[in-house]
């Protein structure tokens, strides 16, 4: 019989996102290990919203997140600099969206 390694007995890693107020976006605030999504939500509430500063919590398995490679920055982000029409500089924002 083989002895289990720490990696094989460790709970999955979850990324935690919290919305601080209605109308704002969710911000990544950290990671935690939990056995399932329900436990991850409960643990995220206990760890990241101790002062009732959140209105919504998202938890996502870290293994489900796909990210670009920082070495590919030019390929993803530099071409947009010459497209000024993509930037909101040609109109004024209404007061209702002043948090943007």
C-alpha atoms as a PDB file:
ATOM      1  CA  UNK A   1       0.000   0.000   0.000  1.00  0.00           C
ATOM      2  CA  UNK A   2       1.399   3.406  -0.977  1.00  0.00           C
ATOM      3  CA  UNK A   3       1.338   6.425   1.280  1.00  0.00           C
ATOM      4  CA  UNK A   4      -0.685   9.336  -0.139  1.00  0.00           C
ATOM      5  CA  UNK A   5       1.324  12.419  -1.028  1.00  0.00           C
ATOM      6  CA  UNK A   6       0.251  15.857   0.250  1.00  0.00           C
ATOM      7  CA  UNK A   7      -0.681  16.903  -3.303  1.00  0.00           C
ATOM      8  CA  UNK A   8      -3.029  13.931  -3.721  1.00  0.00           C
ATOM      9  CA  UNK A   9      -4.870  14.643  -0.450  1.00  0.00           C
ATOM     10  CA  UNK A  10      -5.071  18.427  -0.821  1.00  0.00           C
ATOM     11  CA  UNK A  11      -8.426  20.043  -1.614  1.00  0.00           C
ATOM     12  CA  UNK A  12      -8.753  21.882  -4.945  1.00  0.00           C
ATOM     13  CA  UNK A  13      -7.673  25.525  -5.150  1.00  0.00           C
ATOM     14  CA  UNK A  14     -10.420  28.134  -5.705  1.00  0.00           C
ATOM     15  CA  UNK A  15     -10.034  31.770  -6.785  1.00  0.00           C
ATOM     16  CA  UNK A  16     -12.281  34.207  -4.894  1.00  0.00           C
ATOM     17  CA  UNK A  17     -13.910  37.332  -6.357  1.00  0.00           C
ATOM     18  CA  UNK A  18     -15.957  39.765  -4.225  1.00  0.00           C
ATOM     19  CA  UNK A  19     -18.307  42.557  -5.313  1.00  0.00           C
ATOM     20  CA  UNK A  20     -18.102  45.268  -2.691  1.00  0.00           C
ATOM     21  CA  UNK A  21     -21.234  47.190  -3.779  1.00  0.00           C
ATOM     22  CA  UNK A  22     -24.103  46.658  -6.193  1.00  0.00           C
ATOM     23  CA  UNK A  23     -23.193  48.027  -9.622  1.00  0.00           C
ATOM     24  CA  UNK A  24     -19.459  47.515  -9.225  1.00  0.00           C
ATOM     25  CA  UNK A  25     -17.442  44.683 -10.701  1.00  0.00           C
ATOM     26  CA  UNK A  26     -16.155  41.667  -8.821  1.00  0.00           C
ATOM     27  CA  UNK A  27     -12.514  41.996  -7.740  1.00  0.00           C
ATOM     28  CA  UNK A  28     -10.130  39.111  -7.217  1.00  0.00           C
ATOM     29  CA  UNK A  29      -9.236  39.062  -3.546  1.00  0.00           C
ATOM     30  CA  UNK A  30      -7.413  35.783  -3.081  1.00  0.00           C
ATOM     31  CA  UNK A  31      -7.403  32.014  -3.195  1.00  0.00           C
ATOM     32  CA  UNK A  32      -8.365  29.202  -0.853  1.00  0.00           C
ATOM     33  CA  UNK A  33      -8.581  25.420  -0.737  1.00  0.00           C
ATOM     34  CA  UNK A  34     -12.021  23.826  -0.357  1.00  0.00           C
ATOM     35  CA  UNK A  35     -13.567  20.450  -1.071  1.00  0.00           C
ATOM     36  CA  UNK A  36     -16.400  21.822  -3.235  1.00  0.00           C
ATOM     37  CA  UNK A  37     -18.056  25.036  -4.449  1.00  0.00           C
ATOM     38  CA  UNK A  38     -20.455  25.314  -1.505  1.00  0.00           C
ATOM     39  CA  UNK A  39     -17.617  25.044   1.001  1.00  0.00           C
ATOM     40  CA  UNK A  40     -15.530  27.512  -1.051  1.00  0.00           C
ATOM     41  CA  UNK A  41     -18.335  30.113  -0.890  1.00  0.00           C
ATOM     42  CA  UNK A  42     -18.700  29.654   2.876  1.00  0.00           C
ATOM     43  CA  UNK A  43     -14.961  29.859   3.468  1.00  0.00           C
ATOM     44  CA  UNK A  44     -14.624  32.881   1.159  1.00  0.00           C
ATOM     45  CA  UNK A  45     -17.349  34.651   3.120  1.00  0.00           C
ATOM     46  CA  UNK A  46     -15.547  33.941   6.387  1.00  0.00           C
ATOM     47  CA  UNK A  47     -12.094  34.904   5.123  1.00  0.00           C
ATOM     48  CA  UNK A  48     -12.716  37.785   2.690  1.00  0.00           C
ATOM     49  CA  UNK A  49     -15.902  39.508   3.925  1.00  0.00           C
ATOM     50  CA  UNK A  50     -15.468  39.627   7.697  1.00  0.00           C
ATOM     51  CA  UNK A  51     -16.712  43.230   7.946  1.00  0.00           C
ATOM     52  CA  UNK A  52     -19.823  42.811   5.756  1.00  0.00           C
ATOM     53  CA  UNK A  53     -18.068  44.692   2.928  1.00  0.00           C
ATOM     54  CA  UNK A  54     -19.361  42.430   0.163  1.00  0.00           C
ATOM     55  CA  UNK A  55     -22.653  41.984  -1.660  1.00  0.00           C
ATOM     56  CA  UNK A  56     -21.698  39.020  -3.861  1.00  0.00           C
ATOM     57  CA  UNK A  57     -19.019  36.314  -3.925  1.00  0.00           C
ATOM     58  CA  UNK A  58     -17.805  34.272  -6.891  1.00  0.00           C
ATOM     59  CA  UNK A  59     -15.576  31.229  -6.494  1.00  0.00           C
ATOM     60  CA  UNK A  60     -13.935  29.633  -9.521  1.00  0.00           C
ATOM     61  CA  UNK A  61     -11.768  26.519  -9.588  1.00  0.00           C
ATOM     62  CA  UNK A  62      -8.224  27.681 -10.339  1.00  0.00           C
ATOM     63  CA  UNK A  63      -7.927  24.866 -12.857  1.00  0.00           C
ATOM     64  CA  UNK A  64     -10.754  26.456 -14.914  1.00  0.00           C
ATOM     65  CA  UNK A  65      -8.907  29.761 -15.395  1.00  0.00           C
ATOM     66  CA  UNK A  66      -6.968  30.201 -18.607  1.00  0.00           C
ATOM     67  CA  UNK A  67      -4.587  33.155 -18.851  1.00  0.00           C
ATOM     68  CA  UNK A  68      -2.434  34.717 -21.508  1.00  0.00           C
ATOM     69  CA  UNK A  69       1.329  34.521 -21.218  1.00  0.00           C
ATOM     70  CA  UNK A  70       2.902  37.849 -20.164  1.00  0.00           C
ATOM     71  CA  UNK A  71       5.560  37.220 -22.835  1.00  0.00           C
ATOM     72  CA  UNK A  72       2.773  37.585 -25.442  1.00  0.00           C
ATOM     73  CA  UNK A  73       1.817  41.076 -24.231  1.00  0.00           C
ATOM     74  CA  UNK A  74       2.642  42.777 -27.538  1.00  0.00           C
ATOM     75  CA  UNK A  75       0.501  40.368 -29.518  1.00  0.00           C
ATOM     76  CA  UNK A  76      -2.555  40.938 -27.296  1.00  0.00           C
ATOM     77  CA  UNK A  77      -2.367  44.569 -26.253  1.00  0.00           C
ATOM     78  CA  UNK A  78      -0.151  46.747 -28.455  1.00  0.00           C
ATOM     79  CA  UNK A  79      -2.270  46.597 -31.639  1.00  0.00           C
ATOM     80  CA  UNK A  80      -5.170  48.313 -29.831  1.00  0.00           C
ATOM     81  CA  UNK A  81      -3.174  51.501 -29.190  1.00  0.00           C
ATOM     82  CA  UNK A  82      -3.640  52.721 -32.776  1.00  0.00           C
ATOM     83  CA  UNK A  83      -7.438  52.285 -32.598  1.00  0.00           C
ATOM     84  CA  UNK A  84      -8.429  55.427 -30.703  1.00  0.00           C
ATOM     85  CA  UNK A  85     -12.097  54.790 -31.387  1.00  0.00           C
ATOM     86  CA  UNK A  86     -11.928  51.966 -28.819  1.00  0.00           C
ATOM     87  CA  UNK A  87     -11.237  54.425 -26.008  1.00  0.00           C
ATOM     88  CA  UNK A  88     -14.150  56.327 -24.421  1.00  0.00           C
ATOM     89  CA  UNK A  89     -12.645  59.767 -25.049  1.00  0.00           C
ATOM     90  CA  UNK A  90     -15.210  60.996 -27.582  1.00  0.00           C
ATOM     91  CA  UNK A  91     -18.188  61.270 -25.231  1.00  0.00           C
ATOM     92  CA  UNK A  92     -18.921  62.189 -21.633  1.00  0.00           C
ATOM     93  CA  UNK A  93     -20.149  59.607 -19.167  1.00  0.00           C
ATOM     94  CA  UNK A  94     -23.489  60.165 -17.438  1.00  0.00           C
ATOM     95  CA  UNK A  95     -23.378  60.863 -13.720  1.00  0.00           C
ATOM     96  CA  UNK A  96     -25.097  57.509 -13.050  1.00  0.00           C
ATOM     97  CA  UNK A  97     -21.906  55.668 -14.056  1.00  0.00           C
ATOM     98  CA  UNK A  98     -19.465  57.882 -12.147  1.00  0.00           C
ATOM     99  CA  UNK A  99     -17.731  54.819 -10.597  1.00  0.00           C
ATOM    100  CA  UNK A 100     -16.155  53.808 -13.926  1.00  0.00           C
END
